[in-house]
Amino acid sequence: MEPEKTLHGLTREEFEKFTLYAHATNDRASNLKRAEILGFGGKETEIAPGANVRVPANLIGRRSFIGLYCYLNGKVTVGDDVLIGPHCSIVAGNHKFDPATGAFTARTEGGGDESVVIGNGSWLCSNVTVTPGCKIGRANLICAGAVVTKSTPDYAIMAGVPAEQVGEIDPATGEYRWYSRTGKGEGK
C-alpha cells in the first residue's frame, strides 16, 4: 500500500522529518544542505533554521548566509558574501490602504520599483528590517535593530530607527570610522 501524500507531495513521515530538520540544526553542513533542499544549492549559500526565503534562487549570491528565522519575500537580490543575521525582515512590495474595502487589501508592487538589493559583502546584524525599494550599498554594516527606509552608500555603517549613517568603513584597511553624535566630525 502506497503511503498517503500530504498537500506538498510528501508523506506525513517525510514532512515531519523535514520540519524537524528545517528547525533543529544550525551548523555549516546542515545550512548548506538546507539551502540545497530549498533550491539555493551549488553556490555555497547557507540558510539557517526557520528562515523563510521566498525569492527566486538566481537572486541569492554566492557564499551568502541567511540567518535564523529571517524572512525574505519578493524581488530581493542578495549579493555575494552577504551575512544576514537572525530575525531580519527584507521585503519588496507592501500592502496599501484600499478605500473601496476600507482595509489594507491593495498591493504596491505595480506602482514602481520596490525591489530590494543587498550589496556584496554587507552584514545585516540581528533584527534588521529593510523596507521596499531600498538599495543597500557594497560592504555595509547595518547595526542590530535598524530599520532601513532609504538606500545607502557603499561602505556605510547604518544604525537606528529609521536608520541613519553613523560611520563608514575604510575599504583599504577595513577600519571603522564612527561619526560623532553631533554630525560627521571625527576628521571629516
C-alpha atoms as a PDB file:
ATOM      1  CA  MET A   1       0.000   0.000   0.000  1.00  0.00           C
ATOM      2  CA  GLU A   2       1.314   3.435  -1.038  1.00  0.00           C
ATOM      3  CA  PRO A   3       1.807   5.895   1.881  1.00  0.00           C
ATOM      4  CA  GLU A   4      -0.686   8.773   1.851  1.00  0.00           C
ATOM      5  CA  LYS A   5       0.799  12.024   0.492  1.00  0.00           C
ATOM      6  CA  THR A   6       0.259  15.403   2.137  1.00  0.00           C
ATOM      7  CA  LEU A   7      -0.679  18.582   0.326  1.00  0.00           C
ATOM      8  CA  HIS A   8       3.006  19.154  -0.518  1.00  0.00           C
ATOM      9  CA  GLY A   9       3.538  15.737  -2.096  1.00  0.00           C
ATOM     10  CA  LEU A  10       5.354  14.314   0.923  1.00  0.00           C
ATOM     11  CA  THR A  11       4.276  11.507   3.176  1.00  0.00           C
ATOM     12  CA  ARG A  12       3.440  12.519   6.730  1.00  0.00           C
ATOM     13  CA  GLU A  13       6.693  10.900   7.911  1.00  0.00           C
ATOM     14  CA  GLU A  14       8.731  12.792   5.261  1.00  0.00           C
ATOM     15  CA  PHE A  15       7.020  16.063   6.197  1.00  0.00           C
ATOM     16  CA  GLU A  16       7.690  15.533   9.924  1.00  0.00           C
ATOM     17  CA  LYS A  17      11.371  14.702   9.290  1.00  0.00           C
ATOM     18  CA  PHE A  18      11.834  17.742   7.049  1.00  0.00           C
ATOM     19  CA  THR A  19      10.079  20.024   9.542  1.00  0.00           C
ATOM     20  CA  LEU A  20      12.321  18.789  12.344  1.00  0.00           C
ATOM     21  CA  TYR A  21      15.422  19.138  10.133  1.00  0.00           C
ATOM     22  CA  ALA A  22      14.421  22.611   8.961  1.00  0.00           C
ATOM     23  CA  HIS A  23      14.171  23.890  12.535  1.00  0.00           C
ATOM     24  CA  ALA A  24      16.540  21.776  14.638  1.00  0.00           C
ATOM     25  CA  THR A  25      20.068  22.076  13.242  1.00  0.00           C
ATOM     26  CA  ASN A  26      22.348  25.073  12.807  1.00  0.00           C
ATOM     27  CA  ASP A  27      25.765  24.083  11.554  1.00  0.00           C
ATOM     28  CA  ARG A  28      27.516  24.721   8.224  1.00  0.00           C
ATOM     29  CA  ALA A  29      26.816  21.286   6.747  1.00  0.00           C
ATOM     30  CA  SER A  30      23.126  21.434   7.663  1.00  0.00           C
ATOM     31  CA  ASN A  31      22.800  25.062   6.490  1.00  0.00           C
ATOM     32  CA  LEU A  32      24.324  24.157   3.096  1.00  0.00           C
ATOM     33  CA  LYS A  33      22.059  21.108   2.797  1.00  0.00           C
ATOM     34  CA  ARG A  34      19.012  23.167   3.778  1.00  0.00           C
ATOM     35  CA  ALA A  35      19.878  25.702   1.051  1.00  0.00           C
ATOM     36  CA  GLU A  36      20.176  22.860  -1.459  1.00  0.00           C
ATOM     37  CA  ILE A  37      16.816  21.355  -0.446  1.00  0.00           C
ATOM     38  CA  LEU A  38      15.165  24.765  -0.738  1.00  0.00           C
ATOM     39  CA  GLY A  39      16.598  25.318  -4.240  1.00  0.00           C
ATOM     40  CA  PHE A  40      19.540  27.594  -3.400  1.00  0.00           C
ATOM     41  CA  GLY A  41      22.340  24.990  -3.580  1.00  0.00           C
ATOM     42  CA  GLY A  42      25.560  24.969  -5.573  1.00  0.00           C
ATOM     43  CA  LYS A  43      26.705  28.460  -4.553  1.00  0.00           C
ATOM     44  CA  GLU A  44      27.942  27.780  -1.010  1.00  0.00           C
ATOM     45  CA  THR A  45      24.837  29.637   0.210  1.00  0.00           C
ATOM     46  CA  GLU A  46      23.793  28.790   3.762  1.00  0.00           C
ATOM     47  CA  ILE A  47      20.260  29.006   5.117  1.00  0.00           C
ATOM     48  CA  ALA A  48      19.811  28.699   8.878  1.00  0.00           C
ATOM     49  CA  PRO A  49      16.845  27.015  10.591  1.00  0.00           C
ATOM     50  CA  GLY A  50      13.475  28.695  10.364  1.00  0.00           C
ATOM     51  CA  ALA A  51      14.415  31.083   7.543  1.00  0.00           C
ATOM     52  CA  ASN A  52      11.582  31.745   5.104  1.00  0.00           C
ATOM     53  CA  VAL A  53      13.184  32.649   1.767  1.00  0.00           C
ATOM     54  CA  ARG A  54      10.550  33.409  -0.854  1.00  0.00           C
ATOM     55  CA  VAL A  55      12.744  34.814  -3.641  1.00  0.00           C
ATOM     56  CA  PRO A  56      13.993  33.304  -6.920  1.00  0.00           C
ATOM     57  CA  ALA A  57      17.189  31.257  -6.463  1.00  0.00           C
ATOM     58  CA  ASN A  58      19.072  33.349  -9.034  1.00  0.00           C
ATOM     59  CA  LEU A  59      18.712  36.432  -6.798  1.00  0.00           C
ATOM     60  CA  ILE A  60      20.795  34.990  -3.938  1.00  0.00           C
ATOM     61  CA  GLY A  61      24.563  35.463  -4.323  1.00  0.00           C
ATOM     62  CA  ARG A  62      27.448  33.104  -3.711  1.00  0.00           C
ATOM     63  CA  ARG A  63      28.734  32.380  -0.202  1.00  0.00           C
ATOM     64  CA  SER A  64      25.896  34.308   1.437  1.00  0.00           C
ATOM     65  CA  PHE A  65      24.358  33.377   4.782  1.00  0.00           C
ATOM     66  CA  ILE A  66      20.695  33.839   5.697  1.00  0.00           C
ATOM     67  CA  GLY A  67      20.266  33.659   9.461  1.00  0.00           C
ATOM     68  CA  LEU A  68      17.841  32.066  11.873  1.00  0.00           C
ATOM     69  CA  TYR A  69      14.173  32.913  11.341  1.00  0.00           C
ATOM     70  CA  CYS A  70      14.750  35.521   8.621  1.00  0.00           C
ATOM     71  CA  TYR A  71      12.013  36.481   6.187  1.00  0.00           C
ATOM     72  CA  LEU A  72      12.860  37.437   2.588  1.00  0.00           C
ATOM     73  CA  ASN A  73       9.993  37.961   0.158  1.00  0.00           C
ATOM     74  CA  GLY A  74       9.571  39.369  -3.342  1.00  0.00           C
ATOM     75  CA  LYS A  75      12.200  40.773  -5.679  1.00  0.00           C
ATOM     76  CA  VAL A  76      15.034  40.785  -3.135  1.00  0.00           C
ATOM     77  CA  THR A  77      18.564  40.488  -4.543  1.00  0.00           C
ATOM     78  CA  VAL A  78      21.242  39.367  -2.083  1.00  0.00           C
ATOM     79  CA  GLY A  79      24.804  39.941  -3.310  1.00  0.00           C
ATOM     80  CA  ASP A  80      27.842  37.704  -2.862  1.00  0.00           C
ATOM     81  CA  ASP A  81      29.404  37.228   0.593  1.00  0.00           C
ATOM     82  CA  VAL A  82      26.451  38.779   2.445  1.00  0.00           C
ATOM     83  CA  LEU A  83      25.733  37.927   6.093  1.00  0.00           C
ATOM     84  CA  ILE A  84      22.124  38.295   7.214  1.00  0.00           C
ATOM     85  CA  GLY A  85      21.771  37.872  10.955  1.00  0.00           C
ATOM     86  CA  PRO A  86      18.855  36.261  12.796  1.00  0.00           C
ATOM     87  CA  HIS A  87      15.303  37.591  12.697  1.00  0.00           C
ATOM     88  CA  CYS A  88      15.801  40.015   9.782  1.00  0.00           C
ATOM     89  CA  SER A  89      12.907  41.015   7.530  1.00  0.00           C
ATOM     90  CA  ILE A  90      13.570  42.036   3.938  1.00  0.00           C
ATOM     91  CA  VAL A  91      10.571  42.530   1.677  1.00  0.00           C
ATOM     92  CA  ALA A  92       9.913  44.022  -1.740  1.00  0.00           C
ATOM     93  CA  GLY A  93       6.368  45.283  -2.033  1.00  0.00           C
ATOM     94  CA  ASN A  94       3.868  46.218   0.570  1.00  0.00           C
ATOM     95  CA  HIS A  95       0.215  46.405   1.487  1.00  0.00           C
ATOM     96  CA  LYS A  96      -1.634  49.616   0.800  1.00  0.00           C
ATOM     97  CA  PHE A  97      -4.930  51.002   2.018  1.00  0.00           C
ATOM     98  CA  ASP A  98      -7.799  50.447  -0.411  1.00  0.00           C
ATOM     99  CA  PRO A  99     -10.663  52.919   0.105  1.00  0.00           C
ATOM    100  CA  ALA A 100     -13.052  50.536  -1.664  1.00  0.00           C
ATOM    101  CA  THR A 101     -12.601  47.874   1.023  1.00  0.00           C
ATOM    102  CA  GLY A 102     -11.647  50.117   3.935  1.00  0.00           C
ATOM    103  CA  ALA A 103      -8.651  47.855   4.634  1.00  0.00           C
ATOM    104  CA  PHE A 104      -5.058  47.239   3.591  1.00  0.00           C
ATOM    105  CA  THR A 105      -6.039  44.835   0.786  1.00  0.00           C
ATOM    106  CA  ALA A 106      -4.248  46.543  -2.133  1.00  0.00           C
ATOM    107  CA  ARG A 107      -0.635  45.830  -3.125  1.00  0.00           C
ATOM    108  CA  THR A 108       2.027  48.376  -4.087  1.00  0.00           C
ATOM    109  CA  GLU A 109       4.205  46.312  -6.444  1.00  0.00           C
ATOM    110  CA  GLY A 110       2.602  47.639  -9.627  1.00  0.00           C
ATOM    111  CA  GLY A 111       3.319  51.304  -8.903  1.00  0.00           C
ATOM    112  CA  GLY A 112       7.119  51.397  -9.135  1.00  0.00           C
ATOM    113  CA  ASP A 113      10.410  49.717  -8.343  1.00  0.00           C
ATOM    114  CA  GLU A 114      10.076  48.274  -4.880  1.00  0.00           C
ATOM    115  CA  SER A 115      12.840  45.725  -5.362  1.00  0.00           C
ATOM    116  CA  VAL A 116      15.475  45.479  -2.642  1.00  0.00           C
ATOM    117  CA  VAL A 117      19.203  44.981  -3.244  1.00  0.00           C
ATOM    118  CA  ILE A 118      21.711  43.980  -0.561  1.00  0.00           C
ATOM    119  CA  GLY A 119      25.201  44.876  -1.834  1.00  0.00           C
ATOM    120  CA  ASN A 120      28.122  42.445  -1.962  1.00  0.00           C
ATOM    121  CA  GLY A 121      29.966  41.962   1.316  1.00  0.00           C
ATOM    122  CA  SER A 122      27.300  43.561   3.518  1.00  0.00           C
ATOM    123  CA  TRP A 123      26.407  42.434   7.044  1.00  0.00           C
ATOM    124  CA  LEU A 124      22.905  42.895   8.411  1.00  0.00           C
ATOM    125  CA  CYS A 125      23.048  42.265  12.161  1.00  0.00           C
ATOM    126  CA  SER A 126      20.117  40.748  14.059  1.00  0.00           C
ATOM    127  CA  ASN A 127      16.571  42.131  13.817  1.00  0.00           C
ATOM    128  CA  VAL A 128      17.255  44.417  10.849  1.00  0.00           C
ATOM    129  CA  THR A 129      14.289  45.438   8.702  1.00  0.00           C
ATOM    130  CA  VAL A 130      14.821  46.592   5.113  1.00  0.00           C
ATOM    131  CA  THR A 131      11.771  48.271   3.601  1.00  0.00           C
ATOM    132  CA  PRO A 132      10.653  48.054  -0.051  1.00  0.00           C
ATOM    133  CA  GLY A 133      12.701  49.938  -2.617  1.00  0.00           C
ATOM    134  CA  CYS A 134      15.943  50.189  -0.611  1.00  0.00           C
ATOM    135  CA  LYS A 135      19.314  49.525  -2.201  1.00  0.00           C
ATOM    136  CA  ILE A 136      21.986  48.668   0.395  1.00  0.00           C
ATOM    137  CA  GLY A 137      25.442  49.651  -0.846  1.00  0.00           C
ATOM    138  CA  ARG A 138      28.518  47.436  -1.049  1.00  0.00           C
ATOM    139  CA  ALA A 139      30.063  46.297   2.263  1.00  0.00           C
ATOM    140  CA  ASN A 140      27.538  47.993   4.544  1.00  0.00           C
ATOM    141  CA  LEU A 141      27.307  47.260   8.256  1.00  0.00           C
ATOM    142  CA  ILE A 142      23.658  47.577   9.269  1.00  0.00           C
ATOM    143  CA  CYS A 143      23.578  47.591  13.079  1.00  0.00           C
ATOM    144  CA  ALA A 144      21.199  45.437  15.132  1.00  0.00           C
ATOM    145  CA  GLY A 145      17.589  46.573  15.209  1.00  0.00           C
ATOM    146  CA  ALA A 146      17.981  49.133  12.416  1.00  0.00           C
ATOM    147  CA  VAL A 147      15.067  49.890  10.107  1.00  0.00           C
ATOM    148  CA  VAL A 148      16.404  50.843   6.669  1.00  0.00           C
ATOM    149  CA  THR A 149      13.939  53.142   4.894  1.00  0.00           C
ATOM    150  CA  LYS A 150      16.187  54.610   2.177  1.00  0.00           C
ATOM    151  CA  SER A 151      19.103  53.491   0.031  1.00  0.00           C
ATOM    152  CA  THR A 152      22.614  53.586   1.487  1.00  0.00           C
ATOM    153  CA  PRO A 153      26.058  54.401   0.041  1.00  0.00           C
ATOM    154  CA  ASP A 154      28.881  51.880  -0.247  1.00  0.00           C
ATOM    155  CA  TYR A 155      30.880  51.146   2.947  1.00  0.00           C
ATOM    156  CA  ALA A 156      28.297  52.794   5.225  1.00  0.00           C
ATOM    157  CA  ILE A 157      27.631  51.964   8.863  1.00  0.00           C
ATOM    158  CA  MET A 158      23.910  52.424   9.480  1.00  0.00           C
ATOM    159  CA  ALA A 159      22.016  52.356  12.803  1.00  0.00           C
ATOM    160  CA  GLY A 160      18.725  53.407  14.334  1.00  0.00           C
ATOM    161  CA  VAL A 161      15.037  53.705  13.549  1.00  0.00           C
ATOM    162  CA  PRO A 162      14.913  54.945  10.892  1.00  0.00           C
ATOM    163  CA  ALA A 163      18.491  54.005  10.033  1.00  0.00           C
ATOM    164  CA  GLU A 164      20.964  56.850   9.642  1.00  0.00           C
ATOM    165  CA  GLN A 165      24.608  56.724   8.656  1.00  0.00           C
ATOM    166  CA  VAL A 166      26.662  56.723  11.872  1.00  0.00           C
ATOM    167  CA  GLY A 167      30.002  55.870  10.320  1.00  0.00           C
ATOM    168  CA  GLU A 168      31.852  54.400   7.390  1.00  0.00           C
ATOM    169  CA  ILE A 169      34.262  51.588   6.636  1.00  0.00           C
ATOM    170  CA  ASP A 170      37.629  52.323   5.054  1.00  0.00           C
ATOM    171  CA  PRO A 171      37.677  49.993   2.024  1.00  0.00           C
ATOM    172  CA  ALA A 172      41.504  49.869   2.032  1.00  0.00           C
ATOM    173  CA  THR A 173      42.014  48.939   5.698  1.00  0.00           C
ATOM    174  CA  GLY A 174      38.616  47.710   6.914  1.00  0.00           C
ATOM    175  CA  GLU A 175      38.798  50.217   9.765  1.00  0.00           C
ATOM    176  CA  TYR A 176      35.517  51.643  11.081  1.00  0.00           C
ATOM    177  CA  ARG A 177      35.233  55.431  11.228  1.00  0.00           C
ATOM    178  CA  TRP A 178      32.438  56.441  13.603  1.00  0.00           C
ATOM    179  CA  TYR A 179      30.849  59.852  13.226  1.00  0.00           C
ATOM    180  CA  SER A 180      30.407  61.994  16.323  1.00  0.00           C
ATOM    181  CA  ARG A 181      26.951  62.346  17.836  1.00  0.00           C
ATOM    182  CA  THR A 182      26.796  65.928  16.540  1.00  0.00           C
ATOM    183  CA  GLY A 183      27.411  65.104  12.888  1.00  0.00           C
ATOM    184  CA  LYS A 184      30.121  63.873  10.589  1.00  0.00           C
ATOM    185  CA  GLY A 185      33.018  65.031  12.741  1.00  0.00           C
ATOM    186  CA  GLU A 186      35.987  62.799  13.523  1.00  0.00           C
ATOM    187  CA  GLY A 187      38.280  64.214  10.820  1.00  0.00           C
ATOM    188  CA  LYS A 188      35.636  64.908   8.195  1.00  0.00           C
END
